[in-house]
Amino acid sequence: MSRETHPLLRRCLVALSVVAVACTGPASAQGKVATMFAFEEAVAGDDDLRLRWPTAVAAGGNEEIAVADAAGPSLVIFRDQRGGEGWVVHASIELPAPAYSLSCGAEEYLISTRQPGILLTVRKTDYAVRELSLPSGITPGAATCLADDQLLVHDLASGRLLVLDRALKVGVTVEVTEAVAAVARGSGGGFYATLPAVGQVRRYGANGEELSVLAVPSPTTAPAWPVGLIIEDNGEVVVADRHGGRIQVLETSGRWIGSGSRKGWEPGLLRLPADIARLPDGRVIVADLGNGRVQLFRRLEP
């Protein structure tokens, strides 16, 4: 949303987005929506550097957002300027190929690219790029940082989920027959993966044992297509549903809790959401691929 928007109009649009969120999604087991998201702001850049095809997003803190833009391709860093100017482009880093996934560790961003075999880190202090030397034969798809400097990588060549130690040696391996769109860190060394073709999120223990399968509900006759993934501190699973054009929240048991947003072009609506990330303060960011922007949403508690 433009910063020049009249304050009264801004409040009206936010209120309408809340109403729209409340009116979407299936009824929960208890017959009421237990959680929602309210639209806060859209971020797209400016005339000098405007997002075109944002495919992945990560939070470098409450005041920094990293966006992988397939146009270029590049990693665009936005900073929140507290002087009333809002989110502005702080840096743009050229990538060798469009990003497959993007996540944020303590000191670096982790990027897997669509150039086979390339897994990169970008240092948060000076945005220096470094290529990781993976074991021969691994073609990284979705990837993220785990605890104790471990990495979780979906190997496109073998179709396995791999846990790599700090020396980049493979430890735990998990066979997955379906395509994986996103992976995320869980509690106790465990992890999660989204399988969009079957509309599922799968939860694994630290040793790779499958703990549960979460079926993501669909608001239409078409199945859900979960892409991006967040695991909240309380264990709730938050996914970006590309087919439904919305954010969905589930318990680890698979019980659906609620949803946010819906398909559309206006601020607060999503068209082909590609990824989702969480700021430390609880707000979520969605890479809105079809609208060429990222959007921030604020959690509404019941």
Protein backbone atom coordinates (compact mmCIF):
# COMPACT_ATOMS: atom_id res chain seq x y z
CA MET A 1 0.00 0.00 0.00
CA SER A 2 1.32 3.45 -0.86
CA ARG A 3 2.52 5.54 2.03
CA GLU A 4 0.54 8.45 0.57
CA THR A 5 -2.76 6.62 1.13
CA HIS A 6 -5.13 8.66 3.28
CA PRO A 7 -5.12 7.31 6.88
CA LEU A 8 -8.92 6.81 6.90
CA LEU A 9 -8.77 4.84 3.64
CA ARG A 10 -5.90 2.73 5.06
CA ARG A 11 -7.97 1.82 8.13
CA CYS A 12 -10.96 0.93 5.96
CA LEU A 13 -8.85 -1.35 3.72
CA VAL A 14 -7.35 -3.12 6.72
CA ALA A 15 -10.82 -3.61 8.22
CA LEU A 16 -12.11 -5.02 4.93
CA SER A 17 -9.15 -7.43 4.74
CA VAL A 18 -9.98 -8.72 8.22
CA VAL A 19 -13.59 -9.30 7.19
CA ALA A 20 -12.43 -11.09 4.04
CA VAL A 21 -10.13 -13.32 6.06
CA ALA A 22 -12.91 -14.21 8.49
CA CYS A 23 -15.21 -15.20 5.66
CA THR A 24 -12.83 -17.64 3.94
CA GLY A 25 -11.91 -21.20 4.66
CA PRO A 26 -13.76 -24.25 5.90
CA ALA A 27 -15.31 -24.44 9.35
CA SER A 28 -13.05 -25.94 11.97
CA ALA A 29 -13.98 -28.89 14.08
CA GLN A 30 -15.41 -26.53 16.68
CA GLY A 31 -17.32 -24.55 14.07
CA LYS A 32 -15.36 -21.32 14.42
CA VAL A 33 -12.17 -19.81 13.08
CA ALA A 34 -9.63 -19.74 15.90
CA THR A 35 -7.00 -17.59 14.20
CA MET A 36 -6.75 -15.10 11.37
CA PHE A 37 -4.32 -12.68 9.73
CA ALA A 38 -4.88 -9.01 8.97
CA PHE A 39 -3.15 -7.33 6.05
CA GLU A 40 -0.58 -4.75 7.13
CA GLU A 41 1.49 -3.65 4.15
CA ALA A 42 2.59 -4.51 0.61
CA VAL A 43 6.25 -4.14 -0.38
CA ALA A 44 7.31 -4.05 -4.03
CA GLY A 45 10.28 -1.67 -4.31
CA ASP A 46 10.50 1.51 -6.35
CA ASP A 47 11.17 2.65 -9.91
CA ASP A 48 14.90 1.98 -9.56
CA LEU A 49 14.37 -1.60 -8.38
CA ARG A 50 10.91 -3.11 -8.35
CA LEU A 51 10.09 -6.75 -7.66
CA ARG A 52 8.84 -8.71 -10.64
CA TRP A 53 8.79 -12.44 -9.79
CA PRO A 54 9.35 -12.92 -6.05
CA THR A 55 9.72 -16.66 -5.52
CA ALA A 56 11.11 -16.89 -1.97
CA VAL A 57 11.31 -14.73 1.15
CA ALA A 58 13.13 -14.72 4.50
CA ALA A 59 13.25 -12.41 7.52
CA GLY A 60 16.63 -11.08 8.60
CA GLY A 61 14.99 -9.43 11.62
CA ASN A 62 12.05 -7.15 12.32
CA GLU A 63 13.58 -4.47 10.10
CA GLU A 64 15.04 -6.57 7.25
CA ILE A 65 13.35 -8.70 4.61
CA ALA A 66 15.22 -10.69 1.95
CA VAL A 67 13.39 -11.54 -1.28
CA ALA A 68 14.59 -13.82 -4.06
CA ASP A 69 13.45 -12.32 -7.36
CA ALA A 70 13.60 -14.64 -10.38
CA ALA A 71 13.90 -11.57 -12.58
CA GLY A 72 17.58 -10.77 -12.76
CA PRO A 73 17.92 -13.12 -10.89
CA SER A 74 18.72 -11.40 -7.61
CA LEU A 75 18.41 -11.31 -3.85
CA VAL A 76 16.77 -8.01 -2.87
CA ILE A 77 17.21 -6.74 0.70
CA PHE A 78 14.54 -4.41 2.08
CA ARG A 79 15.05 -2.34 5.22
CA ASP A 80 12.27 -0.72 7.24
CA GLN A 81 13.10 2.98 7.52
CA ARG A 82 11.56 4.30 10.72
CA GLY A 83 11.40 7.88 9.45
CA GLY A 84 8.02 7.21 7.83
CA GLU A 85 9.37 6.10 4.45
CA GLY A 86 8.52 2.45 5.06
CA TRP A 87 10.33 -0.49 3.45
CA VAL A 88 12.97 0.57 0.93
CA VAL A 89 15.56 -1.34 -1.11
CA HIS A 90 18.80 -1.53 0.85
CA ALA A 91 20.82 -3.86 -1.39
CA SER A 92 20.53 -6.10 -4.45
CA ILE A 93 22.80 -9.12 -4.85
CA GLU A 94 23.14 -10.86 -8.21
CA LEU A 95 22.49 -14.62 -8.14
CA PRO A 96 23.84 -17.18 -10.66
CA ALA A 97 20.34 -18.58 -11.22
CA PRO A 98 16.79 -18.10 -9.88
CA ALA A 99 16.41 -19.26 -6.28
CA TYR A 100 14.69 -22.52 -5.43
CA SER A 101 14.49 -21.68 -1.73
CA LEU A 102 15.64 -19.02 0.74
CA SER A 103 16.02 -19.21 4.51
CA CYS A 104 17.79 -17.25 7.23
CA GLY A 105 20.25 -18.54 9.81
CA ALA A 106 21.93 -16.67 12.65
CA GLU A 107 24.51 -14.94 10.45
CA GLU A 108 23.71 -15.85 6.84
CA TYR A 109 20.96 -16.34 4.32
CA LEU A 110 20.89 -19.81 2.73
CA ILE A 111 19.91 -19.99 -0.95
CA SER A 112 19.51 -23.02 -3.18
CA THR A 113 19.37 -22.09 -6.84
CA ARG A 114 17.89 -23.69 -9.91
CA GLN A 115 21.37 -24.12 -11.34
CA PRO A 116 22.05 -27.78 -10.46
CA GLY A 117 24.34 -28.35 -7.51
CA ILE A 118 24.55 -24.72 -6.35
CA LEU A 119 23.88 -23.93 -2.67
CA LEU A 120 24.90 -20.44 -1.53
CA THR A 121 25.18 -18.43 1.64
CA VAL A 122 24.93 -14.63 1.76
CA ARG A 123 26.43 -13.03 4.85
CA LYS A 124 24.02 -10.64 6.59
CA THR A 125 26.68 -8.11 7.58
CA ASP A 126 28.12 -7.30 4.14
CA TYR A 127 26.09 -9.59 1.82
CA ALA A 128 29.20 -11.48 0.67
CA VAL A 129 28.27 -14.57 -1.37
CA ARG A 130 29.87 -17.98 -0.75
CA GLU A 131 29.19 -21.30 -2.51
CA LEU A 132 29.02 -24.38 -0.29
CA SER A 133 30.89 -27.51 -1.34
CA LEU A 134 28.26 -30.23 -1.18
CA PRO A 135 29.05 -33.92 -1.52
CA SER A 136 29.21 -35.04 -5.14
CA GLY A 137 25.91 -35.93 -6.77
CA ILE A 138 23.62 -33.81 -4.55
CA THR A 139 21.29 -31.43 -6.39
CA PRO A 140 19.78 -29.16 -3.72
CA GLY A 141 16.15 -28.18 -3.90
CA ALA A 142 14.41 -26.85 -0.80
CA ALA A 143 16.91 -26.18 2.00
CA THR A 144 17.00 -24.63 5.46
CA CYS A 145 19.18 -24.25 8.54
CA LEU A 146 18.68 -26.59 11.49
CA ALA A 147 20.12 -26.46 15.00
CA ASP A 148 23.84 -26.97 15.72
CA ASP A 149 24.92 -25.65 12.29
CA GLN A 150 23.18 -28.50 10.51
CA LEU A 151 21.49 -28.09 7.15
CA LEU A 152 18.37 -29.81 5.84
CA VAL A 153 18.39 -30.25 2.07
CA HIS A 154 15.96 -31.94 -0.30
CA ASP A 155 18.12 -33.69 -2.89
CA LEU A 156 16.38 -33.47 -6.25
CA ALA A 157 18.68 -36.13 -7.70
CA SER A 158 17.77 -38.87 -5.23
CA GLY A 159 14.41 -37.59 -3.94
CA ARG A 160 15.68 -37.78 -0.35
CA LEU A 161 15.70 -35.36 2.56
CA LEU A 162 19.28 -35.06 3.82
CA VAL A 163 20.57 -33.70 7.12
CA LEU A 164 24.13 -32.42 6.71
CA ASP A 165 26.47 -31.62 9.61
CA ARG A 166 28.71 -28.54 9.86
CA ALA A 167 31.33 -30.32 7.71
CA LEU A 168 28.60 -30.88 5.07
CA LYS A 169 28.66 -34.65 5.55
CA VAL A 170 25.36 -36.48 5.17
CA GLY A 171 23.88 -37.94 8.36
CA VAL A 172 20.13 -38.63 8.51
CA THR A 173 18.41 -39.47 5.20
CA VAL A 174 14.67 -39.77 4.53
CA GLU A 175 13.16 -41.27 1.39
CA VAL A 176 10.40 -39.08 -0.10
CA THR A 177 8.63 -40.19 -3.26
CA GLU A 178 6.73 -36.92 -3.92
CA ALA A 179 8.18 -33.52 -4.86
CA VAL A 180 9.05 -31.27 -1.91
CA ALA A 181 8.36 -27.52 -2.13
CA ALA A 182 9.60 -26.31 1.29
CA VAL A 183 11.29 -27.56 4.43
CA ALA A 184 11.38 -26.10 7.93
CA ARG A 185 12.99 -26.67 11.30
CA GLY A 186 10.89 -28.30 14.02
CA SER A 187 11.49 -28.82 17.72
CA GLY A 188 14.00 -31.22 19.24
CA GLY A 189 15.99 -31.56 16.03
CA GLY A 190 12.94 -32.58 13.99
CA PHE A 191 11.83 -31.06 10.70
CA TYR A 192 8.90 -30.63 8.32
CA ALA A 193 8.37 -30.79 4.55
CA THR A 194 5.53 -29.69 2.27
CA LEU A 195 4.40 -32.02 -0.52
CA PRO A 196 2.17 -29.90 -2.75
CA ALA A 197 1.15 -32.60 -5.23
CA VAL A 198 -0.64 -34.52 -2.46
CA GLY A 199 -1.64 -31.44 -0.40
CA GLN A 200 0.33 -32.53 2.67
CA VAL A 201 2.81 -31.38 5.29
CA ARG A 202 4.87 -34.19 6.84
CA ARG A 203 6.52 -34.00 10.25
CA TYR A 204 9.71 -35.94 11.01
CA GLY A 205 11.70 -36.60 14.17
CA ALA A 206 15.42 -35.89 14.58
CA ASN A 207 16.28 -39.38 13.32
CA GLY A 208 14.08 -39.02 10.24
CA GLU A 209 11.14 -41.08 11.51
CA GLU A 210 7.77 -39.88 10.19
CA LEU A 211 5.72 -38.58 13.11
CA SER A 212 2.57 -37.33 11.41
CA VAL A 213 0.99 -36.37 8.09
CA LEU A 214 -1.02 -33.15 7.99
CA ALA A 215 -3.61 -32.86 5.21
CA VAL A 216 -4.03 -29.21 4.18
CA PRO A 217 -7.73 -28.46 3.52
CA SER A 218 -8.85 -26.81 0.30
CA PRO A 219 -11.42 -24.00 -0.04
CA THR A 220 -12.37 -25.24 -3.53
CA THR A 221 -12.82 -28.51 -5.40
CA ALA A 222 -9.15 -28.30 -6.40
CA PRO A 223 -6.73 -29.72 -3.83
CA ALA A 224 -4.62 -27.43 -1.68
CA TRP A 225 -1.08 -26.78 -2.92
CA PRO A 226 1.08 -26.00 0.15
CA VAL A 227 4.35 -24.29 -0.76
CA GLY A 228 5.99 -22.08 1.89
CA LEU A 229 6.09 -23.25 5.51
CA ILE A 230 6.54 -21.76 9.01
CA ILE A 231 6.64 -23.61 12.31
CA GLU A 232 5.52 -21.29 15.12
CA ASP A 233 7.08 -21.38 18.59
CA ASN A 234 3.92 -23.05 19.94
CA GLY A 235 4.17 -25.79 17.31
CA GLU A 236 1.46 -24.53 14.96
CA VAL A 237 2.13 -25.13 11.26
CA VAL A 238 1.55 -22.16 8.95
CA VAL A 239 1.55 -22.76 5.19
CA ALA A 240 1.09 -20.70 2.07
CA ASP A 241 -1.55 -22.43 -0.07
CA ARG A 242 -0.93 -21.55 -3.72
CA HIS A 243 -4.16 -22.98 -5.10
CA GLY A 244 -6.30 -21.37 -2.39
CA GLY A 245 -4.41 -18.07 -2.45
CA ARG A 246 -4.28 -17.95 1.33
CA ILE A 247 -2.42 -18.62 4.56
CA GLN A 248 -3.48 -21.71 6.50
CA VAL A 249 -2.78 -22.72 10.10
CA LEU A 250 -2.86 -26.29 11.46
CA GLU A 251 -1.95 -28.03 14.68
CA THR A 252 0.75 -30.72 14.61
CA SER A 253 -2.09 -33.24 14.95
CA GLY A 254 -3.40 -32.04 11.59
CA ARG A 255 -6.46 -30.22 12.98
CA TRP A 256 -7.21 -27.13 10.92
CA ILE A 257 -7.27 -23.94 13.00
CA GLY A 258 -7.92 -21.08 10.59
CA SER A 259 -6.82 -19.14 7.55
CA GLY A 260 -6.06 -15.70 6.18
CA SER A 261 -6.43 -13.80 2.91
CA ARG A 262 -7.85 -15.11 -0.38
CA LYS A 263 -7.22 -14.90 -4.13
CA GLY A 264 -7.09 -11.48 -5.76
CA TRP A 265 -5.07 -8.49 -6.92
CA GLU A 266 -5.90 -5.84 -4.32
CA PRO A 267 -3.65 -5.16 -1.30
CA GLY A 268 -4.14 -7.94 1.25
CA LEU A 269 -5.10 -10.52 -1.39
CA LEU A 270 -2.79 -13.13 -2.89
CA ARG A 271 -2.23 -14.41 -6.40
CA LEU A 272 0.08 -17.43 -6.63
CA PRO A 273 1.72 -17.20 -3.20
CA ALA A 274 5.16 -18.79 -3.50
CA ASP A 275 6.69 -18.68 -0.02
CA ILE A 276 6.12 -17.51 3.55
CA ALA A 277 8.38 -16.42 6.40
CA ARG A 278 8.01 -15.07 9.93
CA LEU A 279 9.48 -11.92 11.47
CA PRO A 280 10.67 -12.20 15.09
CA ASP A 281 7.73 -10.02 16.23
CA GLY A 282 5.22 -12.57 14.85
CA ARG A 283 4.23 -10.89 11.60
CA VAL A 284 4.37 -13.07 8.48
CA ILE A 285 5.61 -12.20 5.01
CA VAL A 286 4.24 -13.84 1.88
CA ALA A 287 6.02 -13.82 -1.49
CA ASP A 288 3.08 -12.89 -3.73
CA LEU A 289 4.46 -14.12 -7.05
CA GLY A 290 1.42 -13.37 -9.20
CA ASN A 291 1.22 -9.78 -8.00
CA GLY A 292 4.95 -9.05 -8.05
CA ARG A 293 5.26 -8.08 -4.38
CA VAL A 294 5.65 -9.35 -0.83
CA GLN A 295 2.92 -8.73 1.73
CA LEU A 296 3.03 -8.43 5.49
CA PHE A 297 0.24 -9.79 7.69
CA ARG A 298 -0.37 -9.38 11.39
CA ARG A 299 -1.67 -12.29 13.45
CA LEU A 300 -5.10 -11.81 15.01
CA GLU A 301 -5.61 -13.85 18.14
CA PRO A 302 -9.10 -15.27 18.88
